[in-house]
Amino acid sequence: MVDYNVWLQWHFHPDIVIGVFLLQGGYLLGVTKLRSKYNLAPAVDKRKTVFFSVGVASLYLALSSPIHHLADNYLFSAHMIQHLILLLVVPPLLLTGTPGWLCRPIIRYRLTAYIANWLTRPVQAFAISGLVLGLWHLPQFYNATLTNHSLHVIEHVMFSLSAIIMWWPVLSPINEVPRASYPMQMVYLFLLTLPAGFIGAAITFSPRILYDFYATVPRLWSIDAVTDQQIGGLIMKIPGALAFFITMIFVFALWYQRDQRGEFSPINEIEPPDGDE
């Protein structure tokens, strides 16, 4: 048994601190001084800044807090919590907090606009996010990330990028790379419950330990490796699905409100080009 308080294990990783600082600092610089200096758009709603900042804080929490320490050294279930934060918490907050005009330079060119539109269509977004999730939970790849830091970083980067793509059809901030229609969003969100559900079930009901690393580490709180794996599978399956079902409720409510006003397209929620409101 480990005889110290793991909840005090906050780790300072220079690469993570620098990355988070650049992300938050770049955002604040863009929506304040640069926006004002170059007259890029009206003032950004403070709620957007809060959403984005909470997203960045959640990213840091996932990668530097005791959750990260537990995930990397003791518990598969903690690793699943970390992955859920990276997939289901951080991307929606960042997208919700990003004003459309801040994204437009990326799609200024025809090629980048085409790539962005292609990647974020529901079919492609579903396939990309599902493949990335499934690939990194194959035992041979997952075990490798726990002993190879560079590979672990690549895994987290792929999770984060694929999750941005996954959420884009529901939360796109710009008309040029639009959200899916409301009916398509409902179907899409339901389908998103399936990959994590299948993977989570396979992990939960596996008759053997899939991730050998966790069979060799010290045990915490009398949780054996098999039970830890089962808990991790359930965390992936149940909270993961619940997040999408809750989002479906919000989408349906928004759809109903727009329908009552005769506004049938999600585009009406998004600021028009040039940031005019």
C-alpha atoms as a PDB file:
ATOM      1  CA  MET A   1       0.000   0.000   0.000  1.00  0.00           C
ATOM      2  CA  VAL A   2       1.102   3.548  -0.671  1.00  0.00           C
ATOM      3  CA  ASP A   3       1.507   5.401   2.620  1.00  0.00           C
ATOM      4  CA  TYR A   4       1.318   9.034   1.593  1.00  0.00           C
ATOM      5  CA  ASN A   5      -1.466  11.342   0.573  1.00  0.00           C
ATOM      6  CA  VAL A   6      -1.747  11.089  -3.204  1.00  0.00           C
ATOM      7  CA  TRP A   7      -4.138  14.029  -3.260  1.00  0.00           C
ATOM      8  CA  LEU A   8      -1.218  16.346  -2.542  1.00  0.00           C
ATOM      9  CA  GLN A   9       0.694  15.227  -5.618  1.00  0.00           C
ATOM     10  CA  TRP A  10       0.535  18.251  -7.902  1.00  0.00           C
ATOM     11  CA  HIS A  11       3.295  18.106 -10.494  1.00  0.00           C
ATOM     12  CA  PHE A  12       4.988  20.966 -12.298  1.00  0.00           C
ATOM     13  CA  HIS A  13       5.531  20.021 -15.945  1.00  0.00           C
ATOM     14  CA  PRO A  14       7.215  22.899 -17.818  1.00  0.00           C
ATOM     15  CA  ASP A  15       5.788  21.843 -21.185  1.00  0.00           C
ATOM     16  CA  ILE A  16       2.236  21.803 -19.819  1.00  0.00           C
ATOM     17  CA  VAL A  17       2.630  25.101 -17.964  1.00  0.00           C
ATOM     18  CA  ILE A  18       4.055  26.785 -21.065  1.00  0.00           C
ATOM     19  CA  GLY A  19       1.330  25.328 -23.283  1.00  0.00           C
ATOM     20  CA  VAL A  20      -1.473  26.403 -20.953  1.00  0.00           C
ATOM     21  CA  PHE A  21       0.073  29.864 -20.532  1.00  0.00           C
ATOM     22  CA  LEU A  22       0.345  30.346 -24.306  1.00  0.00           C
ATOM     23  CA  LEU A  23      -3.214  29.126 -24.872  1.00  0.00           C
ATOM     24  CA  GLN A  24      -4.774  31.347 -22.215  1.00  0.00           C
ATOM     25  CA  GLY A  25      -2.462  34.283 -22.820  1.00  0.00           C
ATOM     26  CA  GLY A  26      -2.946  34.162 -26.579  1.00  0.00           C
ATOM     27  CA  TYR A  27      -6.706  34.047 -26.170  1.00  0.00           C
ATOM     28  CA  LEU A  28      -6.821  36.989 -23.762  1.00  0.00           C
ATOM     29  CA  LEU A  29      -4.458  39.012 -25.935  1.00  0.00           C
ATOM     30  CA  GLY A  30      -6.599  38.296 -28.986  1.00  0.00           C
ATOM     31  CA  VAL A  31      -9.979  39.153 -27.466  1.00  0.00           C
ATOM     32  CA  THR A  32      -8.757  42.313 -25.722  1.00  0.00           C
ATOM     33  CA  LYS A  33      -5.797  44.318 -27.030  1.00  0.00           C
ATOM     34  CA  LEU A  34      -5.550  42.924 -30.565  1.00  0.00           C
ATOM     35  CA  ARG A  35      -9.318  43.010 -31.057  1.00  0.00           C
ATOM     36  CA  SER A  36      -9.446  46.627 -29.944  1.00  0.00           C
ATOM     37  CA  LYS A  37      -6.276  47.772 -31.718  1.00  0.00           C
ATOM     38  CA  TYR A  38      -7.263  46.368 -35.122  1.00  0.00           C
ATOM     39  CA  ASN A  39     -11.022  46.825 -34.698  1.00  0.00           C
ATOM     40  CA  LEU A  40     -11.581  43.127 -35.338  1.00  0.00           C
ATOM     41  CA  ALA A  41     -14.975  42.770 -33.679  1.00  0.00           C
ATOM     42  CA  PRO A  42     -17.205  44.101 -30.901  1.00  0.00           C
ATOM     43  CA  ALA A  43     -16.216  43.329 -27.329  1.00  0.00           C
ATOM     44  CA  VAL A  44     -16.378  39.641 -26.501  1.00  0.00           C
ATOM     45  CA  ASP A  45     -19.133  38.525 -24.142  1.00  0.00           C
ATOM     46  CA  LYS A  46     -17.515  37.983 -20.741  1.00  0.00           C
ATOM     47  CA  ARG A  47     -19.280  34.637 -20.485  1.00  0.00           C
ATOM     48  CA  LYS A  48     -17.223  33.415 -23.424  1.00  0.00           C
ATOM     49  CA  THR A  49     -14.029  34.403 -21.648  1.00  0.00           C
ATOM     50  CA  VAL A  50     -15.189  32.516 -18.556  1.00  0.00           C
ATOM     51  CA  PHE A  51     -16.001  29.387 -20.580  1.00  0.00           C
ATOM     52  CA  PHE A  52     -12.633  29.437 -22.311  1.00  0.00           C
ATOM     53  CA  SER A  53     -10.724  30.078 -19.089  1.00  0.00           C
ATOM     54  CA  VAL A  54     -12.511  27.248 -17.280  1.00  0.00           C
ATOM     55  CA  GLY A  55     -11.655  25.006 -20.235  1.00  0.00           C
ATOM     56  CA  VAL A  56      -7.971  25.893 -19.944  1.00  0.00           C
ATOM     57  CA  ALA A  57      -8.084  25.348 -16.176  1.00  0.00           C
ATOM     58  CA  SER A  58      -9.707  21.949 -16.743  1.00  0.00           C
ATOM     59  CA  LEU A  59      -6.941  21.065 -19.168  1.00  0.00           C
ATOM     60  CA  TYR A  60      -4.320  21.912 -16.560  1.00  0.00           C
ATOM     61  CA  LEU A  61      -6.254  19.987 -13.922  1.00  0.00           C
ATOM     62  CA  ALA A  62      -6.325  16.880 -16.108  1.00  0.00           C
ATOM     63  CA  LEU A  63      -2.609  16.983 -16.883  1.00  0.00           C
ATOM     64  CA  SER A  64      -0.965  18.218 -13.677  1.00  0.00           C
ATOM     65  CA  SER A  65      -3.253  17.517 -10.726  1.00  0.00           C
ATOM     66  CA  PRO A  66      -3.370  14.407  -8.504  1.00  0.00           C
ATOM     67  CA  ILE A  67      -5.659  12.884 -11.145  1.00  0.00           C
ATOM     68  CA  HIS A  68      -2.670  12.764 -13.479  1.00  0.00           C
ATOM     69  CA  HIS A  69      -0.446  11.338 -10.736  1.00  0.00           C
ATOM     70  CA  LEU A  70      -2.967   8.596  -9.967  1.00  0.00           C
ATOM     71  CA  ALA A  71      -3.491   7.839 -13.657  1.00  0.00           C
ATOM     72  CA  ASP A  72       0.193   7.522 -14.482  1.00  0.00           C
ATOM     73  CA  ASN A  73       1.231   5.545 -11.430  1.00  0.00           C
ATOM     74  CA  TYR A  74      -1.610   3.662  -9.776  1.00  0.00           C
ATOM     75  CA  LEU A  75      -5.149   3.518 -11.164  1.00  0.00           C
ATOM     76  CA  PHE A  76      -6.574   2.745 -14.586  1.00  0.00           C
ATOM     77  CA  SER A  77      -9.879   4.213 -13.386  1.00  0.00           C
ATOM     78  CA  ALA A  78      -8.165   7.552 -12.689  1.00  0.00           C
ATOM     79  CA  HIS A  79      -6.767   7.457 -16.214  1.00  0.00           C
ATOM     80  CA  MET A  80     -10.308   7.102 -17.568  1.00  0.00           C
ATOM     81  CA  ILE A  81     -11.380  10.154 -15.565  1.00  0.00           C
ATOM     82  CA  GLN A  82      -8.463  12.054 -17.066  1.00  0.00           C
ATOM     83  CA  HIS A  83      -9.451  10.990 -20.571  1.00  0.00           C
ATOM     84  CA  LEU A  84     -13.071  12.024 -20.018  1.00  0.00           C
ATOM     85  CA  ILE A  85     -11.912  15.492 -18.983  1.00  0.00           C
ATOM     86  CA  LEU A  86      -9.803  15.777 -22.143  1.00  0.00           C
ATOM     87  CA  LEU A  87     -12.613  14.502 -24.370  1.00  0.00           C
ATOM     88  CA  LEU A  88     -15.852  15.738 -22.821  1.00  0.00           C
ATOM     89  CA  VAL A  89     -15.031  18.767 -20.667  1.00  0.00           C
ATOM     90  CA  VAL A  90     -12.173  20.754 -22.182  1.00  0.00           C
ATOM     91  CA  PRO A  91     -13.212  20.862 -25.889  1.00  0.00           C
ATOM     92  CA  PRO A  92     -16.838  22.019 -25.357  1.00  0.00           C
ATOM     93  CA  LEU A  93     -15.671  24.763 -23.013  1.00  0.00           C
ATOM     94  CA  LEU A  94     -12.981  25.974 -25.420  1.00  0.00           C
ATOM     95  CA  LEU A  95     -15.360  25.969 -28.399  1.00  0.00           C
ATOM     96  CA  THR A  96     -18.114  27.715 -26.456  1.00  0.00           C
ATOM     97  CA  GLY A  97     -15.666  30.370 -25.326  1.00  0.00           C
ATOM     98  CA  THR A  98     -14.109  31.041 -28.727  1.00  0.00           C
ATOM     99  CA  PRO A  99     -15.616  33.929 -30.738  1.00  0.00           C
ATOM    100  CA  GLY A 100     -16.084  33.122 -34.399  1.00  0.00           C
ATOM    101  CA  TRP A 101     -13.849  35.896 -35.695  1.00  0.00           C
ATOM    102  CA  LEU A 102     -10.920  34.387 -33.806  1.00  0.00           C
ATOM    103  CA  CYS A 103     -11.245  31.203 -35.896  1.00  0.00           C
ATOM    104  CA  ARG A 104     -11.639  32.827 -39.293  1.00  0.00           C
ATOM    105  CA  PRO A 105      -7.936  33.370 -40.081  1.00  0.00           C
ATOM    106  CA  ILE A 106      -7.548  29.575 -40.046  1.00  0.00           C
ATOM    107  CA  ILE A 107     -10.077  29.153 -42.867  1.00  0.00           C
ATOM    108  CA  ARG A 108      -9.070  32.214 -44.852  1.00  0.00           C
ATOM    109  CA  TYR A 109      -7.494  30.036 -47.531  1.00  0.00           C
ATOM    110  CA  ARG A 110      -9.481  27.738 -49.769  1.00  0.00           C
ATOM    111  CA  LEU A 111      -7.477  24.627 -48.899  1.00  0.00           C
ATOM    112  CA  THR A 112      -7.716  25.052 -45.127  1.00  0.00           C
ATOM    113  CA  ALA A 113     -11.418  25.900 -45.409  1.00  0.00           C
ATOM    114  CA  TYR A 114     -12.004  22.738 -47.444  1.00  0.00           C
ATOM    115  CA  ILE A 115     -10.067  20.567 -44.989  1.00  0.00           C
ATOM    116  CA  ALA A 116     -11.880  22.072 -41.998  1.00  0.00           C
ATOM    117  CA  ASN A 117     -15.294  21.549 -43.573  1.00  0.00           C
ATOM    118  CA  TRP A 118     -14.473  17.988 -44.577  1.00  0.00           C
ATOM    119  CA  LEU A 119     -13.063  16.960 -41.197  1.00  0.00           C
ATOM    120  CA  THR A 120     -15.969  18.391 -39.208  1.00  0.00           C
ATOM    121  CA  ARG A 121     -18.844  16.811 -41.112  1.00  0.00           C
ATOM    122  CA  PRO A 122     -20.713  14.460 -38.768  1.00  0.00           C
ATOM    123  CA  VAL A 123     -19.687  11.242 -40.529  1.00  0.00           C
ATOM    124  CA  GLN A 124     -16.004  12.120 -40.637  1.00  0.00           C
ATOM    125  CA  ALA A 125     -16.016  13.597 -37.122  1.00  0.00           C
ATOM    126  CA  PHE A 126     -17.663  10.446 -35.753  1.00  0.00           C
ATOM    127  CA  ALA A 127     -15.187   8.180 -37.533  1.00  0.00           C
ATOM    128  CA  ILE A 128     -12.103  10.172 -36.521  1.00  0.00           C
ATOM    129  CA  SER A 129     -13.054  10.450 -32.851  1.00  0.00           C
ATOM    130  CA  GLY A 130     -14.071   6.789 -32.642  1.00  0.00           C
ATOM    131  CA  LEU A 131     -10.914   5.530 -34.326  1.00  0.00           C
ATOM    132  CA  VAL A 132      -8.627   7.637 -32.126  1.00  0.00           C
ATOM    133  CA  LEU A 133     -10.436   6.499 -28.979  1.00  0.00           C
ATOM    134  CA  GLY A 134     -10.335   2.850 -30.007  1.00  0.00           C
ATOM    135  CA  LEU A 135      -6.716   2.919 -31.186  1.00  0.00           C
ATOM    136  CA  TRP A 136      -5.288   4.292 -27.953  1.00  0.00           C
ATOM    137  CA  HIS A 137      -7.256   1.862 -25.802  1.00  0.00           C
ATOM    138  CA  LEU A 138      -5.844  -1.181 -27.549  1.00  0.00           C
ATOM    139  CA  PRO A 139      -3.675  -2.847 -24.881  1.00  0.00           C
ATOM    140  CA  GLN A 140      -0.452  -2.716 -26.906  1.00  0.00           C
ATOM    141  CA  PHE A 141      -0.768   1.031 -27.529  1.00  0.00           C
ATOM    142  CA  TYR A 142      -2.155   1.914 -24.116  1.00  0.00           C
ATOM    143  CA  ASN A 143       0.567   0.024 -22.254  1.00  0.00           C
ATOM    144  CA  ALA A 144       3.226   1.686 -24.408  1.00  0.00           C
ATOM    145  CA  THR A 145       2.036   5.180 -23.461  1.00  0.00           C
ATOM    146  CA  LEU A 146       2.573   4.432 -19.775  1.00  0.00           C
ATOM    147  CA  THR A 147       6.277   3.743 -20.261  1.00  0.00           C
ATOM    148  CA  ASN A 148       7.025   6.218 -23.060  1.00  0.00           C
ATOM    149  CA  HIS A 149       6.402   9.876 -22.194  1.00  0.00           C
ATOM    150  CA  SER A 150       6.643  11.121 -25.784  1.00  0.00           C
ATOM    151  CA  LEU A 151       4.060   8.587 -26.911  1.00  0.00           C
ATOM    152  CA  HIS A 152       1.840   9.594 -24.002  1.00  0.00           C
ATOM    153  CA  VAL A 153       2.026  13.223 -25.117  1.00  0.00           C
ATOM    154  CA  ILE A 154       1.084  12.201 -28.664  1.00  0.00           C
ATOM    155  CA  GLU A 155      -1.894  10.271 -27.277  1.00  0.00           C
ATOM    156  CA  HIS A 156      -3.180  13.281 -25.357  1.00  0.00           C
ATOM    157  CA  VAL A 157      -2.670  15.616 -28.322  1.00  0.00           C
ATOM    158  CA  MET A 158      -4.601  13.227 -30.577  1.00  0.00           C
ATOM    159  CA  PHE A 159      -7.374  12.941 -27.993  1.00  0.00           C
ATOM    160  CA  SER A 160      -7.642  16.718 -27.721  1.00  0.00           C
ATOM    161  CA  LEU A 161      -7.627  17.405 -31.471  1.00  0.00           C
ATOM    162  CA  SER A 162     -10.053  14.600 -32.292  1.00  0.00           C
ATOM    163  CA  ALA A 163     -12.362  15.808 -29.511  1.00  0.00           C
ATOM    164  CA  ILE A 164     -12.411  19.332 -30.979  1.00  0.00           C
ATOM    165  CA  ILE A 165     -13.397  17.777 -34.306  1.00  0.00           C
ATOM    166  CA  MET A 166     -15.975  15.566 -32.555  1.00  0.00           C
ATOM    167  CA  TRP A 167     -17.712  18.497 -30.857  1.00  0.00           C
ATOM    168  CA  TRP A 168     -17.540  20.843 -33.857  1.00  0.00           C
ATOM    169  CA  PRO A 169     -20.802  19.711 -35.554  1.00  0.00           C
ATOM    170  CA  VAL A 170     -22.625  20.680 -32.347  1.00  0.00           C
ATOM    171  CA  LEU A 171     -20.659  23.716 -31.135  1.00  0.00           C
ATOM    172  CA  SER A 172     -19.054  25.334 -34.183  1.00  0.00           C
ATOM    173  CA  PRO A 173     -18.614  29.079 -33.607  1.00  0.00           C
ATOM    174  CA  ILE A 174     -18.559  30.030 -37.310  1.00  0.00           C
ATOM    175  CA  ASN A 175     -20.979  29.742 -40.223  1.00  0.00           C
ATOM    176  CA  GLU A 176     -18.226  28.947 -42.710  1.00  0.00           C
ATOM    177  CA  VAL A 177     -17.585  25.622 -40.965  1.00  0.00           C
ATOM    178  CA  PRO A 178     -21.144  25.150 -39.749  1.00  0.00           C
ATOM    179  CA  ARG A 179     -22.914  23.124 -37.143  1.00  0.00           C
ATOM    180  CA  ALA A 180     -25.045  20.226 -38.283  1.00  0.00           C
ATOM    181  CA  SER A 181     -28.807  20.694 -38.470  1.00  0.00           C
ATOM    182  CA  TYR A 182     -30.703  20.084 -35.247  1.00  0.00           C
ATOM    183  CA  PRO A 183     -32.068  16.671 -36.312  1.00  0.00           C
ATOM    184  CA  MET A 184     -28.580  15.619 -37.400  1.00  0.00           C
ATOM    185  CA  GLN A 185     -27.121  16.842 -34.111  1.00  0.00           C
ATOM    186  CA  MET A 186     -29.576  14.637 -32.209  1.00  0.00           C
ATOM    187  CA  VAL A 187     -28.679  11.562 -34.262  1.00  0.00           C
ATOM    188  CA  TYR A 188     -24.987  12.388 -34.130  1.00  0.00           C
ATOM    189  CA  LEU A 189     -24.924  12.784 -30.350  1.00  0.00           C
ATOM    190  CA  PHE A 190     -26.739   9.484 -29.901  1.00  0.00           C
ATOM    191  CA  LEU A 191     -24.235   7.714 -32.139  1.00  0.00           C
ATOM    192  CA  LEU A 192     -21.353   9.239 -30.176  1.00  0.00           C
ATOM    193  CA  THR A 193     -22.443   7.183 -27.164  1.00  0.00           C
ATOM    194  CA  LEU A 194     -21.621   3.964 -29.014  1.00  0.00           C
ATOM    195  CA  PRO A 195     -17.790   3.896 -29.347  1.00  0.00           C
ATOM    196  CA  ALA A 196     -17.115   4.648 -25.685  1.00  0.00           C
ATOM    197  CA  GLY A 197     -19.971   2.335 -24.724  1.00  0.00           C
ATOM    198  CA  PHE A 198     -18.560  -0.601 -26.665  1.00  0.00           C
ATOM    199  CA  ILE A 199     -14.993   0.012 -25.517  1.00  0.00           C
ATOM    200  CA  GLY A 200     -16.103   0.529 -21.926  1.00  0.00           C
ATOM    201  CA  ALA A 201     -18.124  -2.686 -21.978  1.00  0.00           C
ATOM    202  CA  ALA A 202     -15.215  -4.650 -23.446  1.00  0.00           C
ATOM    203  CA  ILE A 203     -12.936  -3.366 -20.697  1.00  0.00           C
ATOM    204  CA  THR A 204     -15.463  -3.941 -17.911  1.00  0.00           C
ATOM    205  CA  PHE A 205     -16.307  -7.511 -18.876  1.00  0.00           C
ATOM    206  CA  SER A 206     -12.834  -8.631 -19.884  1.00  0.00           C
ATOM    207  CA  PRO A 207     -11.943 -11.870 -18.048  1.00  0.00           C
ATOM    208  CA  ARG A 208      -8.306 -10.775 -17.758  1.00  0.00           C
ATOM    209  CA  ILE A 209      -6.281  -7.674 -17.022  1.00  0.00           C
ATOM    210  CA  LEU A 210      -5.870  -5.849 -20.329  1.00  0.00           C
ATOM    211  CA  TYR A 211      -3.339  -3.265 -19.232  1.00  0.00           C
ATOM    212  CA  ASP A 212      -0.394  -5.077 -17.671  1.00  0.00           C
ATOM    213  CA  PHE A 213       1.161  -1.919 -16.260  1.00  0.00           C
ATOM    214  CA  TYR A 214      -1.558  -1.627 -13.629  1.00  0.00           C
ATOM    215  CA  ALA A 215      -1.016  -5.209 -12.476  1.00  0.00           C
ATOM    216  CA  THR A 216       2.520  -4.335 -11.366  1.00  0.00           C
ATOM    217  CA  VAL A 217       2.011  -1.056  -9.497  1.00  0.00           C
ATOM    218  CA  PRO A 218       1.251  -0.563  -5.772  1.00  0.00           C
ATOM    219  CA  ARG A 219      -2.450  -0.736  -4.963  1.00  0.00           C
ATOM    220  CA  LEU A 220      -4.407   2.133  -3.465  1.00  0.00           C
ATOM    221  CA  TRP A 221      -7.345   1.878  -1.070  1.00  0.00           C
ATOM    222  CA  SER A 222      -7.441  -1.938  -1.369  1.00  0.00           C
ATOM    223  CA  ILE A 223      -8.636  -1.712  -4.988  1.00  0.00           C
ATOM    224  CA  ASP A 224      -7.203  -4.688  -6.862  1.00  0.00           C
ATOM    225  CA  ALA A 225      -6.232  -4.449 -10.535  1.00  0.00           C
ATOM    226  CA  VAL A 226      -9.300  -6.315 -11.824  1.00  0.00           C
ATOM    227  CA  THR A 227     -11.740  -4.145  -9.873  1.00  0.00           C
ATOM    228  CA  ASP A 228      -9.858  -1.027 -10.943  1.00  0.00           C
ATOM    229  CA  GLN A 229     -10.181  -2.075 -14.581  1.00  0.00           C
ATOM    230  CA  GLN A 230     -13.897  -2.745 -14.182  1.00  0.00           C
ATOM    231  CA  ILE A 231     -14.445   0.653 -12.567  1.00  0.00           C
ATOM    232  CA  GLY A 232     -12.487   2.300 -15.374  1.00  0.00           C
ATOM    233  CA  GLY A 233     -14.624   0.599 -18.012  1.00  0.00           C
ATOM    234  CA  LEU A 234     -17.796   1.760 -16.277  1.00  0.00           C
ATOM    235  CA  ILE A 235     -16.451   5.313 -16.046  1.00  0.00           C
ATOM    236  CA  MET A 236     -15.879   5.328 -19.789  1.00  0.00           C
ATOM    237  CA  LYS A 237     -19.277   3.815 -20.541  1.00  0.00           C
ATOM    238  CA  ILE A 238     -21.714   5.522 -18.156  1.00  0.00           C
ATOM    239  CA  PRO A 239     -20.514   9.129 -17.588  1.00  0.00           C
ATOM    240  CA  GLY A 240     -19.358   9.229 -21.209  1.00  0.00           C
ATOM    241  CA  ALA A 241     -22.810   8.332 -22.521  1.00  0.00           C
ATOM    242  CA  LEU A 242     -24.498  10.571 -19.961  1.00  0.00           C
ATOM    243  CA  ALA A 243     -22.580  13.616 -21.220  1.00  0.00           C
ATOM    244  CA  PHE A 244     -23.913  13.105 -24.741  1.00  0.00           C
ATOM    245  CA  PHE A 245     -27.479  12.462 -23.569  1.00  0.00           C
ATOM    246  CA  ILE A 246     -27.438  15.650 -21.492  1.00  0.00           C
ATOM    247  CA  THR A 247     -26.171  17.545 -24.533  1.00  0.00           C
ATOM    248  CA  MET A 248     -29.023  16.047 -26.560  1.00  0.00           C
ATOM    249  CA  ILE A 249     -31.500  17.541 -24.082  1.00  0.00           C
ATOM    250  CA  PHE A 250     -29.964  20.997 -24.513  1.00  0.00           C
ATOM    251  CA  VAL A 251     -29.940  20.646 -28.305  1.00  0.00           C
ATOM    252  CA  PHE A 252     -33.583  19.560 -28.328  1.00  0.00           C
ATOM    253  CA  ALA A 253     -34.564  22.496 -26.103  1.00  0.00           C
ATOM    254  CA  LEU A 254     -32.713  24.898 -28.381  1.00  0.00           C
ATOM    255  CA  TRP A 255     -34.291  23.295 -31.438  1.00  0.00           C
ATOM    256  CA  TYR A 256     -37.750  23.725 -29.907  1.00  0.00           C
ATOM    257  CA  GLN A 257     -37.126  27.378 -29.055  1.00  0.00           C
ATOM    258  CA  ARG A 258     -35.873  28.130 -32.558  1.00  0.00           C
ATOM    259  CA  ASP A 259     -38.806  26.269 -34.091  1.00  0.00           C
ATOM    260  CA  GLN A 260     -41.260  28.352 -32.080  1.00  0.00           C
ATOM    261  CA  ARG A 261     -39.669  31.477 -33.512  1.00  0.00           C
ATOM    262  CA  GLY A 262     -39.551  30.091 -37.032  1.00  0.00           C
ATOM    263  CA  GLU A 263     -35.765  29.817 -36.988  1.00  0.00           C
ATOM    264  CA  PHE A 264     -34.820  26.356 -38.172  1.00  0.00           C
ATOM    265  CA  SER A 265     -31.070  26.584 -38.627  1.00  0.00           C
ATOM    266  CA  PRO A 266     -28.388  26.432 -35.909  1.00  0.00           C
ATOM    267  CA  ILE A 267     -26.592  29.142 -37.881  1.00  0.00           C
ATOM    268  CA  ASN A 268     -28.855  31.718 -36.239  1.00  0.00           C
ATOM    269  CA  GLU A 269     -27.058  31.142 -32.954  1.00  0.00           C
ATOM    270  CA  ILE A 270     -23.652  32.028 -34.332  1.00  0.00           C
ATOM    271  CA  GLU A 271     -22.263  35.484 -34.808  1.00  0.00           C
ATOM    272  CA  PRO A 272     -22.253  36.489 -38.489  1.00  0.00           C
ATOM    273  CA  PRO A 273     -19.052  37.094 -40.444  1.00  0.00           C
ATOM    274  CA  ASP A 274     -16.963  40.094 -39.413  1.00  0.00           C
ATOM    275  CA  GLY A 275     -18.215  39.738 -35.835  1.00  0.00           C
ATOM    276  CA  ASP A 276     -21.352  41.875 -36.349  1.00  0.00           C
ATOM    277  CA  GLU A 277     -23.907  41.166 -33.639  1.00  0.00           C
END
